[in-house]
N, C-alpha and C. Protein backbone atom coordinates (compact mmCIF):
# COMPACT_ATOMS: atom_id res chain seq x y z
N MET A 1 0.84 -1.20 0.00
CA MET A 1 0.00 0.00 0.00
C MET A 1 0.87 1.24 0.00
N ILE A 2 0.52 2.20 -0.89
CA ILE A 2 1.34 3.41 -1.05
C ILE A 2 0.85 4.49 -0.08
N SER A 3 1.75 5.04 0.73
CA SER A 3 1.38 6.08 1.70
C SER A 3 1.23 7.42 0.98
N ARG A 4 0.19 8.15 1.37
CA ARG A 4 -0.03 9.47 0.80
C ARG A 4 0.54 10.60 1.68
N HIS A 5 1.15 10.22 2.81
CA HIS A 5 1.73 11.23 3.69
C HIS A 5 3.04 11.72 3.13
N LYS A 6 3.37 13.07 3.44
CA LYS A 6 4.65 13.61 3.00
C LYS A 6 5.75 12.96 3.78
N PRO A 7 6.89 12.81 3.16
CA PRO A 7 8.05 12.29 3.89
C PRO A 7 8.41 13.28 4.99
N PRO A 8 8.98 12.80 6.09
CA PRO A 8 9.37 13.68 7.19
C PRO A 8 10.25 14.83 6.73
N THR A 9 11.11 14.57 5.75
CA THR A 9 12.01 15.63 5.29
C THR A 9 11.23 16.75 4.62
N ALA A 10 10.16 16.39 3.92
CA ALA A 10 9.34 17.42 3.27
C ALA A 10 8.68 18.32 4.29
N ASP A 11 8.15 17.69 5.40
CA ASP A 11 7.54 18.49 6.46
C ASP A 11 8.56 19.42 7.08
N LEU A 12 9.78 18.95 7.26
CA LEU A 12 10.83 19.76 7.86
C LEU A 12 11.17 20.95 6.97
N ILE A 13 11.23 20.68 5.65
CA ILE A 13 11.53 21.76 4.71
C ILE A 13 10.44 22.81 4.72
N ASP A 14 9.14 22.36 4.74
CA ASP A 14 8.03 23.31 4.77
C ASP A 14 8.05 24.16 6.03
N THR A 15 8.33 23.50 7.16
CA THR A 15 8.37 24.22 8.43
C THR A 15 9.48 25.25 8.43
N THR A 16 10.64 24.87 7.91
CA THR A 16 11.79 25.78 7.87
C THR A 16 11.50 26.97 6.98
N GLU A 17 10.92 26.70 5.79
CA GLU A 17 10.61 27.79 4.87
C GLU A 17 9.59 28.74 5.47
N SER A 18 8.58 28.20 6.19
CA SER A 18 7.58 29.06 6.82
C SER A 18 8.21 29.94 7.88
N ALA A 19 9.13 29.35 8.65
CA ALA A 19 9.79 30.12 9.70
C ALA A 19 10.63 31.24 9.11
N VAL A 20 11.34 30.91 8.01
CA VAL A 20 12.16 31.92 7.35
C VAL A 20 11.29 33.04 6.81
N THR A 21 10.16 32.64 6.18
CA THR A 21 9.24 33.64 5.63
C THR A 21 8.68 34.53 6.74
N SER A 22 8.32 33.93 7.87
CA SER A 22 7.78 34.70 8.99
C SER A 22 8.80 35.69 9.52
N ARG A 23 10.06 35.21 9.62
CA ARG A 23 11.11 36.10 10.11
C ARG A 23 11.34 37.25 9.14
N ARG A 24 11.30 36.95 7.83
CA ARG A 24 11.48 38.00 6.84
C ARG A 24 10.36 39.04 6.94
N ASP A 25 9.11 38.54 7.08
CA ASP A 25 7.98 39.46 7.20
C ASP A 25 8.10 40.32 8.45
N ALA A 26 8.51 39.70 9.55
CA ALA A 26 8.66 40.44 10.80
C ALA A 26 9.73 41.52 10.68
N LEU A 27 10.86 41.15 10.04
CA LEU A 27 11.94 42.11 9.86
C LEU A 27 11.50 43.26 8.95
N ARG A 28 10.74 42.90 7.91
CA ARG A 28 10.27 43.92 6.98
C ARG A 28 9.32 44.91 7.69
N LEU A 29 8.41 44.37 8.50
CA LEU A 29 7.48 45.23 9.23
C LEU A 29 8.21 46.09 10.27
N ALA A 30 9.18 45.46 10.94
CA ALA A 30 9.94 46.21 11.93
C ALA A 30 10.71 47.35 11.30
N ALA A 31 11.32 47.06 10.13
CA ALA A 31 12.07 48.10 9.42
C ALA A 31 11.16 49.23 8.99
N ALA A 32 9.97 48.85 8.50
CA ALA A 32 9.02 49.88 8.08
C ALA A 32 8.58 50.74 9.26
N GLY A 33 8.34 50.10 10.41
CA GLY A 33 7.95 50.84 11.59
C GLY A 33 9.04 51.77 12.06
N LEU A 34 10.28 51.27 12.05
CA LEU A 34 11.41 52.10 12.48
C LEU A 34 11.57 53.28 11.55
N LEU A 35 11.40 53.05 10.24
CA LEU A 35 11.51 54.14 9.29
C LEU A 35 10.45 55.20 9.54
N GLY A 36 9.23 54.73 9.85
CA GLY A 36 8.15 55.68 10.12
C GLY A 36 8.44 56.53 11.34
N VAL A 37 8.94 55.89 12.40
CA VAL A 37 9.27 56.63 13.62
C VAL A 37 10.38 57.62 13.35
N THR A 38 11.36 57.20 12.52
CA THR A 38 12.50 58.07 12.24
C THR A 38 12.08 59.29 11.43
N LEU A 39 11.17 59.07 10.48
CA LEU A 39 10.79 60.17 9.60
C LEU A 39 9.70 61.06 10.18
N ALA A 40 8.94 60.55 11.15
CA ALA A 40 7.80 61.31 11.66
C ALA A 40 8.15 62.71 12.12
N PRO A 41 9.25 62.90 12.91
CA PRO A 41 9.54 64.25 13.37
C PRO A 41 9.93 65.19 12.24
N LEU A 42 10.30 64.64 11.08
CA LEU A 42 10.81 65.47 10.00
C LEU A 42 9.76 65.77 8.95
N MET A 43 8.58 65.12 9.06
CA MET A 43 7.57 65.31 8.04
C MET A 43 6.98 66.70 8.13
N ARG A 44 6.72 67.29 6.98
CA ARG A 44 6.18 68.65 6.92
C ARG A 44 4.95 68.65 6.02
N SER A 45 3.89 69.17 6.56
CA SER A 45 2.68 69.34 5.76
C SER A 45 2.70 70.77 5.21
N ALA A 46 1.53 71.19 4.72
CA ALA A 46 1.45 72.57 4.23
C ALA A 46 1.50 73.56 5.39
N ASP A 47 1.29 73.06 6.62
CA ASP A 47 1.33 73.92 7.79
C ASP A 47 2.72 73.86 8.43
N ALA A 48 2.84 74.61 9.55
CA ALA A 48 4.11 74.61 10.27
C ALA A 48 4.49 73.18 10.68
N ALA A 49 5.79 72.89 10.64
CA ALA A 49 6.26 71.56 10.97
C ALA A 49 6.36 71.39 12.48
N TYR A 50 5.96 70.20 12.97
CA TYR A 50 6.03 69.91 14.41
C TYR A 50 7.08 68.85 14.65
N ASN A 51 7.95 69.09 15.61
CA ASN A 51 8.99 68.13 15.98
C ASN A 51 8.59 67.49 17.30
N ILE A 52 8.26 66.19 17.26
CA ILE A 52 7.76 65.52 18.46
C ILE A 52 8.84 65.36 19.52
N TRP A 53 10.11 65.39 19.12
CA TRP A 53 11.19 65.20 20.08
C TRP A 53 11.43 66.46 20.91
N THR A 54 11.33 67.62 20.28
CA THR A 54 11.60 68.88 21.00
C THR A 54 10.32 69.58 21.43
N GLY A 55 9.15 69.14 20.93
CA GLY A 55 7.90 69.79 21.28
C GLY A 55 7.81 71.21 20.75
N GLU A 56 8.20 71.40 19.48
CA GLU A 56 8.22 72.73 18.90
C GLU A 56 7.62 72.73 17.50
N TYR A 57 6.93 73.80 17.18
CA TYR A 57 6.50 74.06 15.81
C TYR A 57 7.49 75.04 15.19
N THR A 58 7.81 74.83 13.93
CA THR A 58 8.71 75.72 13.21
C THR A 58 7.99 76.33 12.02
N MET A 59 8.03 77.67 11.92
CA MET A 59 7.47 78.39 10.78
C MET A 59 8.62 78.91 9.93
N THR A 60 8.57 78.67 8.64
CA THR A 60 9.66 79.05 7.74
C THR A 60 9.52 80.50 7.28
N ARG A 61 10.58 81.00 6.68
CA ARG A 61 10.55 82.33 6.09
C ARG A 61 9.41 82.45 5.07
N LYS A 62 9.25 81.44 4.25
CA LYS A 62 8.22 81.49 3.21
C LYS A 62 6.83 81.61 3.81
N GLU A 63 6.56 80.84 4.87
CA GLU A 63 5.25 80.89 5.51
C GLU A 63 4.98 82.28 6.10
N ILE A 64 5.99 82.87 6.72
CA ILE A 64 5.82 84.19 7.33
C ILE A 64 5.68 85.26 6.26
N GLU A 65 6.47 85.14 5.19
CA GLU A 65 6.36 86.09 4.08
C GLU A 65 4.97 86.06 3.48
N THR A 66 4.42 84.86 3.31
CA THR A 66 3.08 84.73 2.73
C THR A 66 2.04 85.44 3.59
N ALA A 67 2.19 85.31 4.91
CA ALA A 67 1.23 85.97 5.82
C ALA A 67 1.35 87.48 5.76
N ILE A 68 2.57 87.99 5.79
CA ILE A 68 2.77 89.44 5.81
C ILE A 68 2.43 90.05 4.45
N ASP A 69 2.66 89.31 3.37
CA ASP A 69 2.30 89.82 2.03
C ASP A 69 0.82 90.19 1.94
N LYS A 70 -0.02 89.49 2.70
CA LYS A 70 -1.46 89.74 2.65
C LYS A 70 -1.85 91.09 3.24
N ARG A 71 -0.93 91.68 3.99
CA ARG A 71 -1.22 92.98 4.63
C ARG A 71 -0.96 94.15 3.68
N PHE A 72 -0.27 93.88 2.59
CA PHE A 72 0.13 94.94 1.67
C PHE A 72 -0.36 94.62 0.26
N PRO A 73 -0.52 95.65 -0.59
CA PRO A 73 -0.28 97.09 -0.35
C PRO A 73 -1.37 97.70 0.51
N THR A 74 -1.03 98.79 1.16
CA THR A 74 -2.00 99.53 1.96
C THR A 74 -1.66 101.01 1.92
N THR A 75 -2.70 101.84 2.05
CA THR A 75 -2.52 103.29 2.06
C THR A 75 -3.22 103.86 3.28
N LEU A 76 -2.50 104.70 4.01
CA LEU A 76 -3.03 105.35 5.20
C LEU A 76 -3.16 106.84 4.94
N ASN A 77 -4.32 107.38 5.27
CA ASN A 77 -4.57 108.80 5.08
C ASN A 77 -4.71 109.49 6.43
N TYR A 78 -4.01 110.60 6.58
CA TYR A 78 -4.08 111.38 7.81
C TYR A 78 -4.65 112.75 7.47
N GLY A 79 -5.95 112.86 7.71
CA GLY A 79 -6.64 114.07 7.31
C GLY A 79 -6.62 114.22 5.80
N GLN A 80 -6.57 115.42 5.32
CA GLN A 80 -6.51 115.68 3.89
C GLN A 80 -5.13 116.19 3.46
N LEU A 81 -4.18 116.11 4.41
CA LEU A 81 -2.86 116.66 4.13
C LEU A 81 -1.83 115.60 3.79
N LEU A 82 -1.93 114.42 4.41
CA LEU A 82 -0.86 113.44 4.31
C LEU A 82 -1.40 112.06 4.01
N SER A 83 -0.76 111.37 3.07
CA SER A 83 -1.09 109.97 2.80
C SER A 83 0.22 109.19 2.68
N VAL A 84 0.19 107.95 3.16
CA VAL A 84 1.37 107.08 3.13
C VAL A 84 0.97 105.77 2.46
N ALA A 85 1.61 105.45 1.34
CA ALA A 85 1.35 104.20 0.63
C ALA A 85 2.52 103.24 0.87
N LEU A 86 2.21 102.01 1.25
CA LEU A 86 3.23 101.00 1.57
C LEU A 86 3.06 99.79 0.68
N THR A 87 4.16 99.34 0.09
CA THR A 87 4.12 98.19 -0.82
C THR A 87 5.38 97.34 -0.65
N HIS A 88 5.37 96.15 -1.27
CA HIS A 88 6.53 95.28 -1.41
C HIS A 88 7.27 95.01 -0.09
N PRO A 89 6.63 94.31 0.84
CA PRO A 89 7.29 94.00 2.10
C PRO A 89 8.41 92.99 1.93
N GLN A 90 9.47 93.18 2.69
CA GLN A 90 10.58 92.22 2.78
C GLN A 90 10.86 92.00 4.26
N ILE A 91 10.95 90.73 4.66
CA ILE A 91 11.14 90.46 6.08
C ILE A 91 12.58 90.04 6.37
N GLY A 92 12.99 90.32 7.59
CA GLY A 92 14.30 89.90 8.08
C GLY A 92 14.15 89.38 9.49
N PHE A 93 15.13 88.60 9.95
CA PHE A 93 15.07 87.99 11.27
C PHE A 93 16.26 88.46 12.11
N ASN A 94 15.96 88.84 13.34
CA ASN A 94 16.99 89.31 14.26
C ASN A 94 16.98 88.43 15.51
N PRO A 95 17.69 87.29 15.46
CA PRO A 95 17.68 86.37 16.61
C PRO A 95 18.21 87.01 17.89
N GLN A 96 19.19 87.91 17.76
CA GLN A 96 19.78 88.53 18.95
C GLN A 96 18.73 89.32 19.74
N ALA A 97 17.89 90.04 19.02
CA ALA A 97 16.85 90.84 19.68
C ALA A 97 15.53 90.09 19.78
N ASN A 98 15.46 88.90 19.15
CA ASN A 98 14.24 88.09 19.11
C ASN A 98 13.08 88.88 18.49
N ARG A 99 13.38 89.53 17.36
CA ARG A 99 12.39 90.34 16.67
C ARG A 99 12.44 90.08 15.17
N ILE A 100 11.36 90.44 14.50
CA ILE A 100 11.25 90.34 13.05
C ILE A 100 11.21 91.75 12.47
N THR A 101 11.94 91.96 11.38
CA THR A 101 11.94 93.26 10.71
C THR A 101 11.14 93.18 9.41
N THR A 102 10.31 94.17 9.19
CA THR A 102 9.55 94.28 7.94
C THR A 102 9.95 95.59 7.27
N GLN A 103 10.56 95.48 6.10
CA GLN A 103 10.92 96.68 5.34
C GLN A 103 9.98 96.81 4.14
N VAL A 104 9.42 98.00 3.97
CA VAL A 104 8.47 98.21 2.88
C VAL A 104 8.87 99.45 2.08
N ASP A 105 8.48 99.44 0.82
CA ASP A 105 8.61 100.64 0.01
C ASP A 105 7.53 101.62 0.44
N ALA A 106 7.93 102.87 0.63
CA ALA A 106 6.98 103.88 1.10
C ALA A 106 6.91 105.05 0.12
N GLN A 107 5.72 105.55 -0.03
CA GLN A 107 5.51 106.74 -0.85
C GLN A 107 4.63 107.71 -0.06
N VAL A 108 5.18 108.88 0.21
CA VAL A 108 4.50 109.84 1.07
C VAL A 108 4.07 111.04 0.23
N GLN A 109 2.80 111.36 0.35
CA GLN A 109 2.26 112.53 -0.35
C GLN A 109 1.81 113.55 0.70
N ASN A 110 2.40 114.74 0.66
CA ASN A 110 2.04 115.81 1.57
C ASN A 110 1.67 117.03 0.74
N VAL A 111 0.44 117.48 0.90
CA VAL A 111 -0.02 118.60 0.08
C VAL A 111 0.73 119.89 0.40
N LEU A 112 1.36 119.94 1.57
CA LEU A 112 2.12 121.14 1.93
C LEU A 112 3.46 121.20 1.22
N LEU A 113 3.90 120.03 0.71
CA LEU A 113 5.15 119.97 -0.04
C LEU A 113 4.82 119.90 -1.53
N GLN A 114 5.25 120.86 -2.25
CA GLN A 114 4.94 120.91 -3.68
C GLN A 114 5.74 119.83 -4.41
N GLY A 115 5.18 119.34 -5.51
CA GLY A 115 5.91 118.37 -6.33
C GLY A 115 5.37 116.96 -6.19
N GLN A 116 6.18 115.99 -6.68
CA GLN A 116 5.79 114.60 -6.69
C GLN A 116 5.88 113.99 -5.29
N PRO A 117 5.16 112.87 -5.06
CA PRO A 117 5.27 112.19 -3.77
C PRO A 117 6.72 111.77 -3.50
N LEU A 118 7.08 111.72 -2.24
CA LEU A 118 8.43 111.32 -1.85
C LEU A 118 8.47 109.81 -1.67
N ALA A 119 9.46 109.18 -2.31
CA ALA A 119 9.57 107.73 -2.26
C ALA A 119 10.79 107.31 -1.44
N GLY A 120 10.67 106.17 -0.77
CA GLY A 120 11.78 105.65 0.02
C GLY A 120 11.41 104.35 0.67
N VAL A 121 12.00 104.07 1.84
CA VAL A 121 11.73 102.82 2.55
C VAL A 121 11.43 103.11 4.01
N LEU A 122 10.64 102.20 4.59
CA LEU A 122 10.31 102.24 6.01
C LEU A 122 10.60 100.87 6.58
N ALA A 123 11.44 100.80 7.62
CA ALA A 123 11.78 99.53 8.26
C ALA A 123 11.16 99.50 9.65
N ILE A 124 10.42 98.42 9.93
CA ILE A 124 9.68 98.27 11.19
C ILE A 124 10.14 97.00 11.89
N SER A 125 10.45 97.12 13.17
CA SER A 125 10.88 95.98 13.98
C SER A 125 9.75 95.58 14.92
N SER A 126 9.44 94.27 14.96
CA SER A 126 8.32 93.80 15.78
C SER A 126 8.73 92.64 16.68
N ALA A 127 8.20 92.65 17.90
CA ALA A 127 8.33 91.48 18.77
C ALA A 127 7.23 90.49 18.38
N LEU A 128 7.18 89.34 19.06
CA LEU A 128 6.19 88.30 18.76
C LEU A 128 5.51 87.86 20.05
N LYS A 129 4.25 87.52 19.94
CA LYS A 129 3.55 86.95 21.09
C LYS A 129 2.46 86.01 20.60
N TYR A 130 1.99 85.14 21.52
CA TYR A 130 0.91 84.21 21.18
C TYR A 130 -0.37 84.68 21.84
N ASP A 131 -1.46 84.69 21.04
CA ASP A 131 -2.78 85.06 21.54
C ASP A 131 -3.64 83.80 21.61
N PRO A 132 -3.95 83.31 22.82
CA PRO A 132 -4.71 82.06 22.93
C PRO A 132 -6.14 82.17 22.42
N VAL A 133 -6.73 83.36 22.46
CA VAL A 133 -8.10 83.52 21.98
C VAL A 133 -8.15 83.34 20.47
N ARG A 134 -7.20 83.95 19.78
CA ARG A 134 -7.15 83.85 18.32
C ARG A 134 -6.37 82.63 17.84
N ARG A 135 -5.71 81.92 18.77
CA ARG A 135 -4.83 80.78 18.45
C ARG A 135 -3.77 81.20 17.43
N ALA A 136 -3.22 82.40 17.59
CA ALA A 136 -2.34 82.94 16.56
C ALA A 136 -1.08 83.54 17.16
N VAL A 137 0.00 83.46 16.35
CA VAL A 137 1.24 84.17 16.66
C VAL A 137 1.12 85.56 16.04
N LEU A 138 1.30 86.60 16.86
CA LEU A 138 1.08 87.97 16.42
C LEU A 138 2.37 88.78 16.44
N LEU A 139 2.45 89.75 15.52
CA LEU A 139 3.47 90.79 15.63
C LEU A 139 3.05 91.72 16.76
N ASP A 140 4.01 92.10 17.60
CA ASP A 140 3.66 92.85 18.79
C ASP A 140 4.61 94.04 18.98
N ASN A 141 4.03 95.15 19.43
CA ASN A 141 4.81 96.34 19.78
C ASN A 141 5.80 96.74 18.69
N PRO A 142 5.34 96.97 17.48
CA PRO A 142 6.26 97.36 16.40
C PRO A 142 6.83 98.76 16.62
N SER A 143 8.05 98.95 16.20
CA SER A 143 8.70 100.27 16.31
C SER A 143 9.47 100.55 15.03
N VAL A 144 9.69 101.83 14.76
CA VAL A 144 10.40 102.22 13.55
C VAL A 144 11.90 102.05 13.73
N GLU A 145 12.51 101.33 12.82
CA GLU A 145 13.97 101.20 12.82
C GLU A 145 14.61 102.25 11.93
N ARG A 146 13.95 102.50 10.80
CA ARG A 146 14.56 103.43 9.83
C ARG A 146 13.49 104.00 8.91
N VAL A 147 13.57 105.29 8.66
CA VAL A 147 12.75 105.96 7.65
C VAL A 147 13.70 106.70 6.73
N ASP A 148 13.61 106.38 5.45
CA ASP A 148 14.53 107.00 4.49
C ASP A 148 13.73 107.38 3.24
N LEU A 149 13.44 108.67 3.11
CA LEU A 149 12.69 109.17 1.96
C LEU A 149 13.58 110.10 1.16
N ASN A 150 13.64 109.87 -0.13
CA ASN A 150 14.44 110.72 -1.01
C ASN A 150 13.82 112.10 -1.14
N GLY A 151 14.63 113.12 -0.87
CA GLY A 151 14.17 114.48 -1.05
C GLY A 151 13.43 115.07 0.12
N MET A 152 13.36 114.33 1.24
CA MET A 152 12.66 114.88 2.40
C MET A 152 13.53 115.93 3.08
N PRO A 153 13.03 117.14 3.27
CA PRO A 153 13.80 118.18 3.95
C PRO A 153 14.17 117.75 5.37
N ALA A 154 15.39 118.08 5.80
CA ALA A 154 15.85 117.68 7.13
C ALA A 154 14.96 118.22 8.24
N ALA A 155 14.32 119.35 7.98
CA ALA A 155 13.48 119.96 9.01
C ALA A 155 12.28 119.09 9.37
N TYR A 156 11.94 118.14 8.48
CA TYR A 156 10.77 117.29 8.71
C TYR A 156 11.14 115.91 9.26
N SER A 157 12.40 115.68 9.57
CA SER A 157 12.85 114.34 9.97
C SER A 157 12.15 113.87 11.25
N GLN A 158 12.01 114.74 12.22
CA GLN A 158 11.36 114.35 13.48
C GLN A 158 9.90 114.01 13.26
N GLN A 159 9.21 114.86 12.47
CA GLN A 159 7.82 114.58 12.17
C GLN A 159 7.66 113.28 11.39
N LEU A 160 8.61 113.04 10.50
CA LEU A 160 8.56 111.83 9.70
C LEU A 160 8.71 110.58 10.57
N THR A 161 9.62 110.63 11.53
CA THR A 161 9.80 109.50 12.44
C THR A 161 8.54 109.26 13.27
N SER A 162 7.90 110.34 13.69
CA SER A 162 6.66 110.23 14.45
C SER A 162 5.56 109.59 13.61
N VAL A 163 5.46 110.02 12.35
CA VAL A 163 4.48 109.44 11.45
C VAL A 163 4.78 107.96 11.22
N GLY A 164 6.07 107.64 11.08
CA GLY A 164 6.47 106.24 10.89
C GLY A 164 6.05 105.36 12.05
N GLY A 165 6.17 105.89 13.28
CA GLY A 165 5.73 105.12 14.45
C GLY A 165 4.24 104.87 14.43
N THR A 166 3.48 105.87 14.04
CA THR A 166 2.03 105.70 13.94
C THR A 166 1.67 104.68 12.87
N VAL A 167 2.35 104.75 11.74
CA VAL A 167 2.12 103.80 10.65
C VAL A 167 2.42 102.38 11.11
N ALA A 168 3.53 102.20 11.81
CA ALA A 168 3.92 100.87 12.29
C ALA A 168 2.84 100.27 13.17
N GLN A 169 2.31 101.06 14.09
CA GLN A 169 1.27 100.57 14.99
C GLN A 169 -0.01 100.22 14.23
N GLN A 170 -0.39 101.05 13.30
CA GLN A 170 -1.64 100.83 12.59
C GLN A 170 -1.57 99.64 11.63
N VAL A 171 -0.41 99.43 11.05
CA VAL A 171 -0.30 98.40 10.01
C VAL A 171 0.04 97.03 10.57
N LEU A 172 0.94 96.96 11.55
CA LEU A 172 1.46 95.66 11.95
C LEU A 172 1.18 95.25 13.39
N ASN A 173 0.77 96.17 14.25
CA ASN A 173 0.56 95.78 15.65
C ASN A 173 -0.58 94.78 15.77
N GLN A 174 -0.30 93.65 16.44
CA GLN A 174 -1.27 92.57 16.66
C GLN A 174 -1.67 91.88 15.34
N TYR A 175 -0.82 91.97 14.34
CA TYR A 175 -1.12 91.31 13.06
C TYR A 175 -0.71 89.85 13.13
N PRO A 176 -1.59 88.91 12.75
CA PRO A 176 -1.27 87.48 12.86
C PRO A 176 -0.38 87.01 11.71
N ILE A 177 0.71 86.35 12.06
CA ILE A 177 1.57 85.77 11.02
C ILE A 177 1.41 84.26 10.93
N TYR A 178 0.74 83.66 11.93
CA TYR A 178 0.42 82.23 11.84
C TYR A 178 -0.73 81.92 12.80
N THR A 179 -1.73 81.19 12.28
CA THR A 179 -2.87 80.78 13.10
C THR A 179 -2.91 79.26 13.17
N PHE A 180 -2.91 78.74 14.38
CA PHE A 180 -2.94 77.29 14.58
C PHE A 180 -4.34 76.75 14.34
N LYS A 181 -4.40 75.58 13.73
CA LYS A 181 -5.66 74.86 13.62
C LYS A 181 -5.92 74.14 14.95
N PRO A 182 -7.19 73.90 15.31
CA PRO A 182 -7.48 73.25 16.60
C PRO A 182 -6.75 71.92 16.76
N GLU A 183 -6.66 71.13 15.67
CA GLU A 183 -6.01 69.83 15.77
C GLU A 183 -4.51 69.92 15.99
N GLN A 184 -3.92 71.07 15.68
CA GLN A 184 -2.49 71.25 15.93
C GLN A 184 -2.20 71.49 17.41
N LEU A 185 -3.23 71.78 18.18
CA LEU A 185 -3.05 72.04 19.61
C LEU A 185 -3.54 70.87 20.45
N ARG A 186 -3.62 69.70 19.84
CA ARG A 186 -3.87 68.46 20.56
C ARG A 186 -2.86 67.42 20.10
N TYR A 187 -2.27 66.74 21.05
CA TYR A 187 -1.28 65.71 20.70
C TYR A 187 -1.40 64.57 21.71
N GLY A 188 -1.55 63.36 21.18
CA GLY A 188 -1.69 62.19 22.05
C GLY A 188 -2.92 62.27 22.93
N GLY A 189 -4.00 62.90 22.42
CA GLY A 189 -5.22 63.02 23.18
C GLY A 189 -5.20 64.09 24.26
N ARG A 190 -4.16 64.91 24.29
CA ARG A 190 -4.04 65.95 25.31
C ARG A 190 -3.91 67.31 24.65
N ASP A 191 -4.44 68.34 25.33
CA ASP A 191 -4.32 69.70 24.82
C ASP A 191 -2.92 70.23 25.08
N VAL A 192 -2.39 70.94 24.08
CA VAL A 192 -1.10 71.62 24.25
C VAL A 192 -1.29 73.10 23.97
N GLU A 193 -0.40 73.91 24.51
CA GLU A 193 -0.52 75.36 24.36
C GLU A 193 0.83 75.96 23.99
N PRO A 194 0.88 76.82 22.97
CA PRO A 194 2.14 77.48 22.62
C PRO A 194 2.68 78.32 23.76
N GLY A 195 4.01 78.32 23.87
CA GLY A 195 4.67 79.09 24.91
C GLY A 195 5.72 80.02 24.32
N ALA A 196 6.98 79.76 24.65
CA ALA A 196 8.07 80.64 24.22
C ALA A 196 8.20 80.66 22.70
N ILE A 197 8.42 81.85 22.16
CA ILE A 197 8.62 82.04 20.71
C ILE A 197 10.04 82.53 20.51
N THR A 198 10.76 81.84 19.63
CA THR A 198 12.17 82.17 19.39
C THR A 198 12.38 82.48 17.92
N VAL A 199 13.00 83.62 17.66
CA VAL A 199 13.33 84.00 16.29
C VAL A 199 14.62 83.31 15.88
N LEU A 200 14.59 82.66 14.72
CA LEU A 200 15.73 81.95 14.16
C LEU A 200 16.34 82.77 13.03
N PRO A 201 17.48 82.36 12.51
CA PRO A 201 18.07 83.11 11.38
C PRO A 201 17.20 83.12 10.13
N ASP A 202 16.30 82.14 9.99
CA ASP A 202 15.49 82.09 8.77
C ASP A 202 14.07 81.61 9.06
N GLY A 203 13.55 81.96 10.22
CA GLY A 203 12.20 81.54 10.58
C GLY A 203 11.98 81.74 12.07
N ILE A 204 10.94 81.10 12.61
CA ILE A 204 10.70 81.16 14.06
C ILE A 204 10.29 79.77 14.55
N LYS A 205 10.50 79.52 15.83
CA LYS A 205 10.01 78.28 16.43
C LYS A 205 9.16 78.63 17.65
N VAL A 206 8.13 77.82 17.86
CA VAL A 206 7.20 78.04 18.95
C VAL A 206 7.16 76.80 19.82
N GLU A 207 7.52 76.94 21.07
CA GLU A 207 7.47 75.83 22.00
C GLU A 207 6.03 75.54 22.40
N VAL A 208 5.66 74.28 22.46
CA VAL A 208 4.32 73.92 22.94
C VAL A 208 4.47 73.05 24.18
N LYS A 209 3.54 73.22 25.11
CA LYS A 209 3.59 72.48 26.36
C LYS A 209 2.19 72.01 26.73
N THR A 210 2.12 70.96 27.53
CA THR A 210 0.83 70.44 27.96
C THR A 210 0.16 71.41 28.92
N ARG A 211 -1.13 71.60 28.74
CA ARG A 211 -1.86 72.50 29.64
C ARG A 211 -1.97 71.90 31.03
């Protein structure tokens, strides 16, 4: 009578191959998991990047430029005598002072001064703060760093600086440069809240902590 059972060696080979296959699958899954964990802190969506190891969000120069670009062009009128038009913002970062600089092209028209409007630049320095009600990082307490208008008589320099300070407050004070989505303020099922804001050479980082 012919046996239909596999020879013992065949069973051993099948068992060995299954074990090898299982080990390969396990190694493959483990490698994939390790890769995911390694890449997770570095992944960047269209929003600010979050680093799970340091607990910080990072906003890039491009993201901040996009936000500030939306504020310009703008024109401010002071009575019927003076108007200030601001265009083409350029931002800079001052890590030493922990402030952001916004330089704009300025055109000033004063009916008391005959001739064409005076053109030049206005540089504004701003601190940063977080507003929990708006869930936003805001420019705060802006001040004039430099006002340079071609052809402005020296006698008007003090008045011009004063006007520049008023312009800075009206245009950039409490202006949001980044607004968090609600889901960005929850991690691992817990609420987190932005804290210290640090200006970097080419962006900013915002520390988040558990409430």
